[in-house]
Amino acid sequence: MKLLPLAGAISAALLSANVTAETSPLEFNGYMRGGVGLGSESGSNPKWEVNKVGRLGNENDLYGEFGFKKEVFNDGETSYVVDSMLKYWAGQDGAGGDVEVAQFNVQAKGLFEDKDIVLWGGKRYYQRHDVHILDSYYWDISGTGAGIEHINMGPGKLSMALIQDEVTGDLDDGQEITAVIADIRYAGIPLWNRADLEVGVDYNYGHERNGQSIDADDSILLTASITQNLDAGFNKTILQAATAGYAEQMTGYGSGNGIKRDVNDNDASGYRIINWGVISLSDDIEFGHSVLFAAAGDVDGTDTDDTLFSAVARPMYKWTEKMRTIVEVGGFTQTINDIDGAGSKFTVAQAWVPQVGFWSRPEIRVFASYMNDYENETAFNGADSEVSVGMQAEAWW
């Protein structure tokens, strides 16, 4: 699928919308990354265990998101917005590439007495939670569905959604399984000073068709997230517990959708604890970190326990308002399906940005990375370690 004609068709459709009240201009937003690199063993620089050792100097693709948002109706009380986004991915050389419609939905606000309530339907990135330095979403049920969100109830806000699960696995006879995710979350619960709590439950339900029998159990994912806002940053602590197909996602960096539905996972259970955040240590030094521990038992009908531990640190020193040096050190150890794994990465990068700040983008960086696979010793074209160098740009807007 060609990107430009599709993007043009979407934007033209939004611009030509037939409206009967004052509306806002077309908004354009997005994300991109891309660059060039060489690896001592792999030829081009590799992308290896990004979620476990960190993403800096560890990405080798051309990726982009192109969002177009248009308010198509606003009479002063109610507002209707059409939100769309295309997603593009290609290898490092940019050849070929796949285009996908990542979002296409309608959001309506002002329909109820509680003016914060949003009623929506379509395909959407839905209230995603991630660890940025790992490029890992730990709570993300995005997909095609509908819901109602931001209902003021007590001290917080209630949101409810029903999402069609996109990947659910097959039965032994090859029939596909129809499944939906029921998501309920309550956010903004005040705790101590400048801290709040969000809790949620996701229920992955398999719906039997006529003549079909699904022996694999439905799955439940429970999430609690505490955010501590600081004078110069934030810290998040996340606890998740899961059953059946969701259990495998605890050690597999799953996000809550696309579960593997398997009768052998009926007795499986798992959990994970994540702590991550960003803080300014001084005017010139900022520090990001991530620590994760996950465990799962009885996955695939085995009596073994899967475990995973990962830690990543990213300090940054600002030489000027527009130039900085970034270091990222990460490592992990795991036992999955009775197979041990362990590895580490060290990256140093020199970067240029429009202004200071950990989140400042666009950023153009040159980097050098050293990666080591301690257990399998074949990760890098048959070698156990790799040195890679490259240059990359990253932006969001």
Protein backbone atom coordinates (compact mmCIF):
# COMPACT_ATOMS: atom_id res chain seq x y z
CA MET A 1 0.00 0.00 0.00
CA LYS A 2 1.42 3.39 -0.97
CA LEU A 3 1.67 5.91 1.84
CA LEU A 4 1.24 9.27 0.09
CA PRO A 5 -1.96 8.50 -1.87
CA LEU A 6 -3.59 7.02 1.22
CA ALA A 7 -2.55 9.96 3.41
CA GLY A 8 -3.85 12.36 0.78
CA ALA A 9 -7.18 10.57 0.60
CA ILE A 10 -7.65 10.69 4.37
CA SER A 11 -6.70 14.35 4.70
CA ALA A 12 -8.87 15.33 1.73
CA ALA A 13 -11.84 13.52 3.24
CA LEU A 14 -11.37 15.32 6.56
CA LEU A 15 -10.91 18.72 4.95
CA SER A 16 -14.01 18.32 2.81
CA ALA A 17 -16.24 17.24 5.69
CA ASN A 18 -19.75 18.73 5.54
CA VAL A 19 -20.11 20.70 8.78
CA THR A 20 -22.93 22.83 10.13
CA ALA A 21 -21.12 24.67 12.93
CA GLU A 22 -17.79 26.27 13.70
CA THR A 23 -14.92 23.77 13.65
CA SER A 24 -11.18 23.75 14.23
CA PRO A 25 -8.41 23.45 11.60
CA LEU A 26 -6.99 20.10 10.55
CA GLU A 27 -4.29 18.97 13.02
CA PHE A 28 -1.22 17.04 11.91
CA ASN A 29 0.78 15.05 14.48
CA GLY A 30 3.12 12.11 14.40
CA TYR A 31 6.35 10.32 15.21
CA MET A 32 9.38 9.17 13.22
CA ARG A 33 12.76 7.54 13.61
CA GLY A 34 15.35 6.46 11.07
CA GLY A 35 19.06 6.35 10.45
CA VAL A 36 22.11 4.49 9.24
CA GLY A 37 24.51 2.13 10.97
CA LEU A 38 27.15 -0.59 10.71
CA GLY A 39 27.68 -3.63 12.94
CA SER A 40 30.96 -5.48 13.44
CA GLU A 41 29.28 -8.89 13.05
CA SER A 42 25.86 -8.27 11.52
CA GLY A 43 26.77 -5.89 8.71
CA SER A 44 24.23 -3.20 9.48
CA ASN A 45 23.65 -2.39 13.13
CA PRO A 46 21.29 -4.84 14.90
CA LYS A 47 18.11 -4.38 16.91
CA TRP A 48 18.48 -6.77 19.85
CA GLU A 49 16.31 -7.31 22.96
CA VAL A 50 15.21 -3.67 22.90
CA ASN A 51 12.62 -4.12 25.67
CA LYS A 52 15.22 -5.62 28.00
CA VAL A 53 18.42 -3.61 27.45
CA GLY A 54 17.08 -0.26 26.18
CA ARG A 55 16.42 1.33 22.81
CA LEU A 56 19.16 3.98 22.53
CA GLY A 57 21.57 2.93 19.76
CA ASN A 58 19.56 -0.27 19.39
CA GLU A 59 17.08 0.48 16.59
CA ASN A 60 17.62 -0.25 12.91
CA ASP A 61 14.33 0.55 11.21
CA LEU A 62 12.57 3.41 9.48
CA TYR A 63 9.32 3.94 11.34
CA GLY A 64 6.72 6.67 11.22
CA GLU A 65 3.23 7.60 12.38
CA PHE A 66 1.23 10.26 10.53
CA GLY A 67 -1.83 11.53 12.40
CA PHE A 68 -4.63 13.71 11.02
CA LYS A 69 -7.28 15.02 13.42
CA LYS A 70 -10.24 17.20 12.52
CA GLU A 71 -13.06 18.62 14.60
CA VAL A 72 -15.97 18.29 12.20
CA PHE A 73 -18.71 19.72 14.40
CA ASN A 74 -18.85 22.17 17.31
CA ASP A 75 -21.94 24.12 18.33
CA GLY A 76 -20.48 25.40 21.59
CA GLU A 77 -21.91 22.52 23.62
CA THR A 78 -21.04 19.35 21.75
CA SER A 79 -17.97 18.49 19.69
CA TYR A 80 -17.29 15.68 17.23
CA VAL A 81 -13.71 14.86 16.24
CA VAL A 82 -12.51 12.45 13.55
CA ASP A 83 -9.06 11.11 14.47
CA SER A 84 -6.95 9.13 11.99
CA MET A 85 -3.38 7.87 11.77
CA LEU A 86 -1.25 5.94 9.30
CA LYS A 87 1.66 3.79 10.49
CA TYR A 88 4.68 3.01 8.32
CA TRP A 89 7.53 0.58 8.89
CA ALA A 90 10.50 -0.40 6.71
CA GLY A 91 13.99 -1.78 7.15
CA GLN A 92 16.95 0.47 7.73
CA ASP A 93 17.46 1.11 4.02
CA GLY A 94 13.87 2.33 3.71
CA ALA A 95 13.10 0.00 0.82
CA GLY A 96 9.61 -1.46 0.52
CA GLY A 97 7.73 -0.89 3.74
CA ASP A 98 4.29 -1.60 5.08
CA VAL A 99 1.50 0.92 5.62
CA GLU A 100 -1.29 0.32 8.11
CA VAL A 101 -4.27 2.36 9.25
CA ALA A 102 -3.41 2.56 12.94
CA GLN A 103 -6.28 4.83 13.98
CA PHE A 104 -9.61 5.83 12.48
CA ASN A 105 -12.26 6.83 15.00
CA VAL A 106 -14.87 9.37 16.05
CA GLN A 107 -14.82 11.02 19.49
CA ALA A 108 -17.81 12.99 20.79
CA LYS A 109 -17.72 15.30 23.81
CA GLY A 110 -20.43 17.37 25.49
CA LEU A 111 -23.30 14.93 24.98
CA PHE A 112 -23.96 14.51 28.70
CA GLU A 113 -24.34 16.70 31.74
CA ASP A 114 -20.80 15.73 32.70
CA LYS A 115 -18.96 17.65 29.98
CA ASP A 116 -15.71 15.71 30.47
CA ILE A 117 -17.27 12.49 29.17
CA VAL A 118 -16.06 11.29 25.76
CA LEU A 119 -18.06 8.78 23.72
CA TRP A 120 -16.01 7.12 20.99
CA GLY A 121 -15.99 4.36 18.38
CA GLY A 122 -13.62 3.05 15.70
CA LYS A 123 -9.95 2.06 15.69
CA ARG A 124 -7.88 3.84 18.29
CA TYR A 125 -4.70 4.03 20.36
CA TYR A 126 -6.57 3.70 23.63
CA GLN A 127 -5.08 5.16 26.84
CA ARG A 128 -1.67 3.52 26.28
CA HIS A 129 0.93 3.17 29.05
CA ASP A 130 4.58 2.58 28.20
CA VAL A 131 8.20 2.69 29.38
CA HIS A 132 9.72 5.06 26.84
CA ILE A 133 13.39 4.08 27.14
CA LEU A 134 12.42 0.44 26.47
CA ASP A 135 9.94 1.22 23.66
CA SER A 136 7.64 -1.14 25.57
CA TYR A 137 3.89 -0.79 26.20
CA TYR A 138 2.88 -2.68 29.33
CA TRP A 139 -0.81 -1.66 29.17
CA ASP A 140 -2.14 -1.16 25.65
CA ILE A 141 -5.35 -2.75 24.38
CA SER A 142 -5.52 -0.51 21.32
CA GLY A 143 -7.65 -1.78 18.46
CA THR A 144 -11.11 -1.52 16.94
CA GLY A 145 -13.86 -0.95 19.47
CA ALA A 146 -15.99 1.61 21.30
CA GLY A 147 -16.28 3.07 24.74
CA ILE A 148 -17.07 5.87 27.13
CA GLU A 149 -14.30 7.56 29.10
CA HIS A 150 -13.41 10.24 31.66
CA ILE A 151 -16.64 9.93 33.67
CA ASN A 152 -16.28 12.01 36.83
CA MET A 153 -17.06 9.66 39.68
CA GLY A 154 -15.85 10.39 43.18
CA PRO A 155 -12.26 11.62 43.30
CA GLY A 156 -11.28 10.07 39.95
CA LYS A 157 -12.50 9.31 36.44
CA LEU A 158 -14.03 6.07 35.18
CA SER A 159 -13.49 4.74 31.64
CA MET A 160 -15.01 1.66 29.98
CA ALA A 161 -14.25 0.17 26.56
CA LEU A 162 -14.89 -2.94 24.49
CA ILE A 163 -12.10 -3.79 22.03
CA GLN A 164 -11.99 -6.52 19.38
CA ASP A 165 -8.88 -8.58 20.08
CA GLU A 166 -6.80 -8.64 16.92
CA VAL A 167 -4.78 -11.84 17.48
CA THR A 168 -6.29 -14.65 19.53
CA GLY A 169 -4.78 -17.86 18.15
CA ASP A 170 -6.43 -20.76 16.34
CA LEU A 171 -8.20 -23.92 17.38
CA ASP A 172 -6.67 -27.27 16.44
CA ASP A 173 -8.91 -27.51 13.39
CA GLY A 174 -7.66 -24.16 12.11
CA GLN A 175 -10.80 -22.17 12.95
CA GLU A 176 -10.18 -18.67 14.16
CA ILE A 177 -11.46 -17.52 17.55
CA THR A 178 -13.60 -14.42 18.00
CA ALA A 179 -12.55 -12.53 21.12
CA VAL A 180 -13.15 -9.15 22.74
CA ILE A 181 -11.45 -7.27 25.56
CA ALA A 182 -13.64 -5.63 28.20
CA ASP A 183 -11.60 -2.84 29.78
CA ILE A 184 -12.57 -0.92 32.92
CA ARG A 185 -10.22 1.58 34.52
CA TYR A 186 -10.43 4.23 37.22
CA ALA A 187 -7.80 6.96 37.15
CA GLY A 188 -6.79 9.97 39.21
CA ILE A 189 -7.30 8.51 42.68
CA PRO A 190 -5.42 10.91 45.00
CA LEU A 191 -2.91 9.37 47.40
CA TRP A 192 -0.27 11.36 49.27
CA ASN A 193 1.24 14.68 48.16
CA ARG A 194 1.43 14.87 44.33
CA ALA A 195 0.78 11.15 43.93
CA ASP A 196 -2.18 9.42 42.29
CA LEU A 197 -3.32 5.88 41.54
CA GLU A 198 -4.90 4.30 38.47
CA VAL A 199 -6.43 0.81 38.60
CA GLY A 200 -7.91 -1.33 35.85
CA VAL A 201 -9.15 -4.74 34.85
CA ASP A 202 -9.11 -6.32 31.39
CA TYR A 203 -11.18 -9.40 30.63
CA ASN A 204 -10.34 -11.23 27.39
CA TYR A 205 -13.46 -13.15 26.37
CA GLY A 206 -13.56 -15.86 23.69
CA HIS A 207 -16.94 -16.04 21.95
CA GLU A 208 -17.96 -19.41 20.54
CA ARG A 209 -19.50 -19.56 17.10
CA ASN A 210 -22.19 -22.01 16.05
CA GLY A 211 -20.75 -25.50 16.33
CA GLN A 212 -17.51 -24.27 17.89
CA SER A 213 -16.15 -25.23 21.31
CA ILE A 214 -13.43 -23.15 22.95
CA ASP A 215 -11.65 -25.09 25.67
CA ALA A 216 -9.11 -22.37 26.47
CA ASP A 217 -10.17 -20.24 29.44
CA ASP A 218 -10.80 -16.53 29.25
CA SER A 219 -8.04 -14.34 30.69
CA ILE A 220 -7.93 -11.57 33.28
CA LEU A 221 -5.33 -8.81 33.61
CA LEU A 222 -5.27 -6.56 36.70
CA THR A 223 -3.23 -3.33 36.70
CA ALA A 224 -2.39 -0.79 39.38
CA SER A 225 -0.17 2.22 38.60
CA ILE A 226 1.10 4.80 41.09
CA THR A 227 2.50 8.05 39.68
CA GLN A 228 4.61 10.26 41.92
CA ASN A 229 5.10 13.71 40.44
CA LEU A 230 8.31 15.43 41.49
CA ASP A 231 9.62 18.98 41.25
CA ALA A 232 11.99 17.89 38.48
CA GLY A 233 10.47 14.73 37.03
CA PHE A 234 8.27 11.76 37.91
CA ASN A 235 8.37 8.16 39.10
CA LYS A 236 5.93 5.38 38.23
CA THR A 237 5.42 2.03 39.98
CA ILE A 238 3.25 -0.54 38.20
CA LEU A 239 1.95 -3.87 39.47
CA GLN A 240 0.17 -6.29 37.13
CA ALA A 241 -1.30 -9.73 37.79
CA ALA A 242 -2.65 -12.07 35.12
CA THR A 243 -4.32 -15.43 34.48
CA ALA A 244 -4.42 -17.92 31.59
CA GLY A 245 -3.28 -16.41 28.27
CA TYR A 246 -2.39 -13.09 29.90
CA ALA A 247 0.08 -14.87 32.22
CA GLU A 248 2.49 -15.53 29.38
CA GLN A 249 2.49 -11.81 28.58
CA MET A 250 4.00 -10.96 31.96
CA THR A 251 7.42 -12.31 30.99
CA GLY A 252 6.87 -11.76 27.27
CA TYR A 253 6.37 -7.97 27.36
CA GLY A 254 2.72 -8.30 26.36
CA SER A 255 0.46 -5.28 26.62
CA GLY A 256 -3.03 -6.72 27.11
CA ASN A 257 -4.10 -7.56 23.56
CA GLY A 258 -3.18 -10.30 21.11
CA ILE A 259 -3.05 -13.05 23.71
CA LYS A 260 -2.15 -16.63 22.89
CA ARG A 261 -5.31 -18.61 23.62
CA ASP A 262 -4.27 -22.15 24.55
CA VAL A 263 -5.96 -24.78 26.74
CA ASN A 264 -2.53 -25.57 28.19
CA ASP A 265 -2.52 -22.12 29.80
CA ASN A 266 -5.77 -22.58 31.72
CA ASP A 267 -3.93 -22.91 35.05
CA ALA A 268 -1.27 -20.32 34.25
CA SER A 269 -0.78 -17.21 36.37
CA GLY A 270 1.79 -14.44 36.40
CA TYR A 271 2.71 -10.99 37.60
CA ARG A 272 5.20 -8.20 36.97
CA ILE A 273 6.47 -5.15 38.84
CA ILE A 274 7.84 -2.14 36.97
CA ASN A 275 9.42 1.02 38.28
CA TRP A 276 10.54 3.73 35.91
CA GLY A 277 10.90 7.46 35.72
CA VAL A 278 12.90 10.53 34.75
CA ILE A 279 14.44 13.10 37.09
CA SER A 280 16.67 16.16 36.80
CA LEU A 281 19.61 15.78 39.16
CA SER A 282 20.97 19.26 38.39
CA ASP A 283 20.70 21.96 35.75
CA ASP A 284 22.98 19.92 33.48
CA ILE A 285 22.20 16.28 34.36
CA GLU A 286 19.01 14.28 33.80
CA PHE A 287 18.51 10.61 34.57
CA GLY A 288 16.01 8.05 33.27
CA HIS A 289 15.69 4.49 34.52
CA SER A 290 13.62 1.32 34.30
CA VAL A 291 13.57 -1.77 36.55
CA LEU A 292 11.32 -4.75 35.79
CA PHE A 293 10.75 -8.13 37.42
CA ALA A 294 8.24 -10.60 36.00
CA ALA A 295 7.25 -14.18 36.74
CA ALA A 296 4.78 -16.70 35.34
CA GLY A 297 3.92 -20.29 36.22
CA ASP A 298 2.20 -23.24 34.50
CA VAL A 299 2.55 -21.60 31.08
CA ASP A 300 2.07 -24.09 28.23
CA GLY A 301 1.02 -26.71 30.79
CA THR A 302 4.52 -27.03 32.25
CA ASP A 303 5.34 -27.09 35.96
CA THR A 304 8.27 -24.71 35.50
CA ASP A 305 8.37 -21.07 36.53
CA ASP A 306 9.40 -18.39 34.05
CA THR A 307 11.27 -15.36 35.42
CA LEU A 308 12.65 -12.17 33.94
CA PHE A 309 14.66 -9.30 35.43
CA SER A 310 15.71 -6.20 33.50
CA ALA A 311 17.37 -2.92 34.49
CA VAL A 312 18.22 0.07 32.29
CA ALA A 313 19.74 3.45 33.20
CA ARG A 314 20.01 6.49 30.91
CA PRO A 315 21.96 9.48 32.28
CA MET A 316 22.28 12.62 30.14
CA TYR A 317 24.67 15.55 30.37
CA LYS A 318 23.81 18.87 28.70
CA TRP A 319 26.84 20.67 27.28
CA THR A 320 24.78 23.54 25.88
CA GLU A 321 21.10 24.28 25.39
CA LYS A 322 21.24 22.39 22.10
CA MET A 323 23.85 19.64 22.56
CA ARG A 324 24.04 16.73 25.00
CA THR A 325 25.80 13.45 25.66
CA ILE A 326 23.64 10.44 26.51
CA VAL A 327 24.74 7.13 28.01
CA GLU A 328 22.49 4.08 28.29
CA VAL A 329 23.42 0.90 30.19
CA GLY A 330 21.06 -2.06 30.30
CA GLY A 331 21.06 -5.72 31.17
CA PHE A 332 18.74 -8.66 31.79
CA THR A 333 18.60 -12.22 33.01
CA GLN A 334 15.78 -14.67 32.37
CA THR A 335 14.64 -18.26 32.46
CA ILE A 336 11.86 -18.94 29.93
CA ASN A 337 10.69 -22.49 29.12
CA ASP A 338 13.70 -23.85 31.06
CA ILE A 339 16.07 -21.90 28.76
CA ASP A 340 18.38 -19.38 30.40
CA GLY A 341 19.11 -16.03 28.81
CA ALA A 342 21.16 -13.01 29.78
CA GLY A 343 22.69 -10.03 28.04
CA SER A 344 23.73 -6.42 28.27
CA LYS A 345 24.18 -3.26 26.22
CA PHE A 346 26.25 -0.10 26.60
CA THR A 347 25.59 2.93 24.37
CA VAL A 348 27.11 6.38 24.23
CA ALA A 349 25.55 9.03 21.98
CA GLN A 350 26.16 12.66 21.11
CA ALA A 351 22.91 14.45 20.30
CA TRP A 352 21.61 17.80 19.06
CA VAL A 353 18.14 19.14 19.89
CA PRO A 354 16.23 22.45 19.57
CA GLN A 355 16.29 23.03 23.33
CA VAL A 356 17.27 21.36 26.60
CA GLY A 357 15.17 18.68 28.30
CA PHE A 358 14.96 14.89 28.40
CA TRP A 359 11.90 14.89 26.15
CA SER A 360 13.12 17.50 23.70
CA ARG A 361 12.68 16.43 20.08
CA PRO A 362 13.53 16.43 17.18
CA GLU A 363 16.89 14.88 18.05
CA ILE A 364 19.74 13.95 15.72
CA ARG A 365 22.32 11.67 17.34
CA VAL A 366 25.49 9.75 16.55
CA PHE A 367 26.07 6.67 18.67
CA ALA A 368 28.24 3.66 19.42
CA SER A 369 26.89 0.52 21.11
CA TYR A 370 28.40 -2.64 22.56
CA MET A 371 26.04 -5.61 23.05
CA ASN A 372 26.76 -8.99 24.61
CA ASP A 373 24.70 -12.19 24.63
CA TYR A 374 25.96 -14.13 27.66
CA GLU A 375 24.01 -17.37 27.23
CA ASN A 376 23.11 -18.23 23.63
CA GLU A 377 26.27 -16.68 22.19
CA THR A 378 24.90 -16.62 18.63
CA ALA A 379 22.72 -13.51 18.61
CA PHE A 380 24.92 -11.47 16.30
CA ASN A 381 25.35 -13.42 13.07
CA GLY A 382 26.76 -16.36 15.03
CA ALA A 383 28.83 -14.25 17.45
CA ASP A 384 28.19 -13.50 21.12
CA SER A 385 28.94 -9.77 20.98
CA GLU A 386 28.64 -6.84 18.63
CA VAL A 387 29.95 -3.31 18.25
CA SER A 388 27.75 -1.03 16.19
CA VAL A 389 27.98 2.63 15.21
CA GLY A 390 25.44 4.83 13.52
CA MET A 391 23.48 8.03 13.22
CA GLN A 392 19.76 8.40 13.86
CA ALA A 393 17.03 11.02 13.89
CA GLU A 394 13.95 10.88 16.09
CA ALA A 395 11.03 13.28 16.30
CA TRP A 396 7.50 13.67 17.56
CA TRP A 397 5.17 16.58 16.96
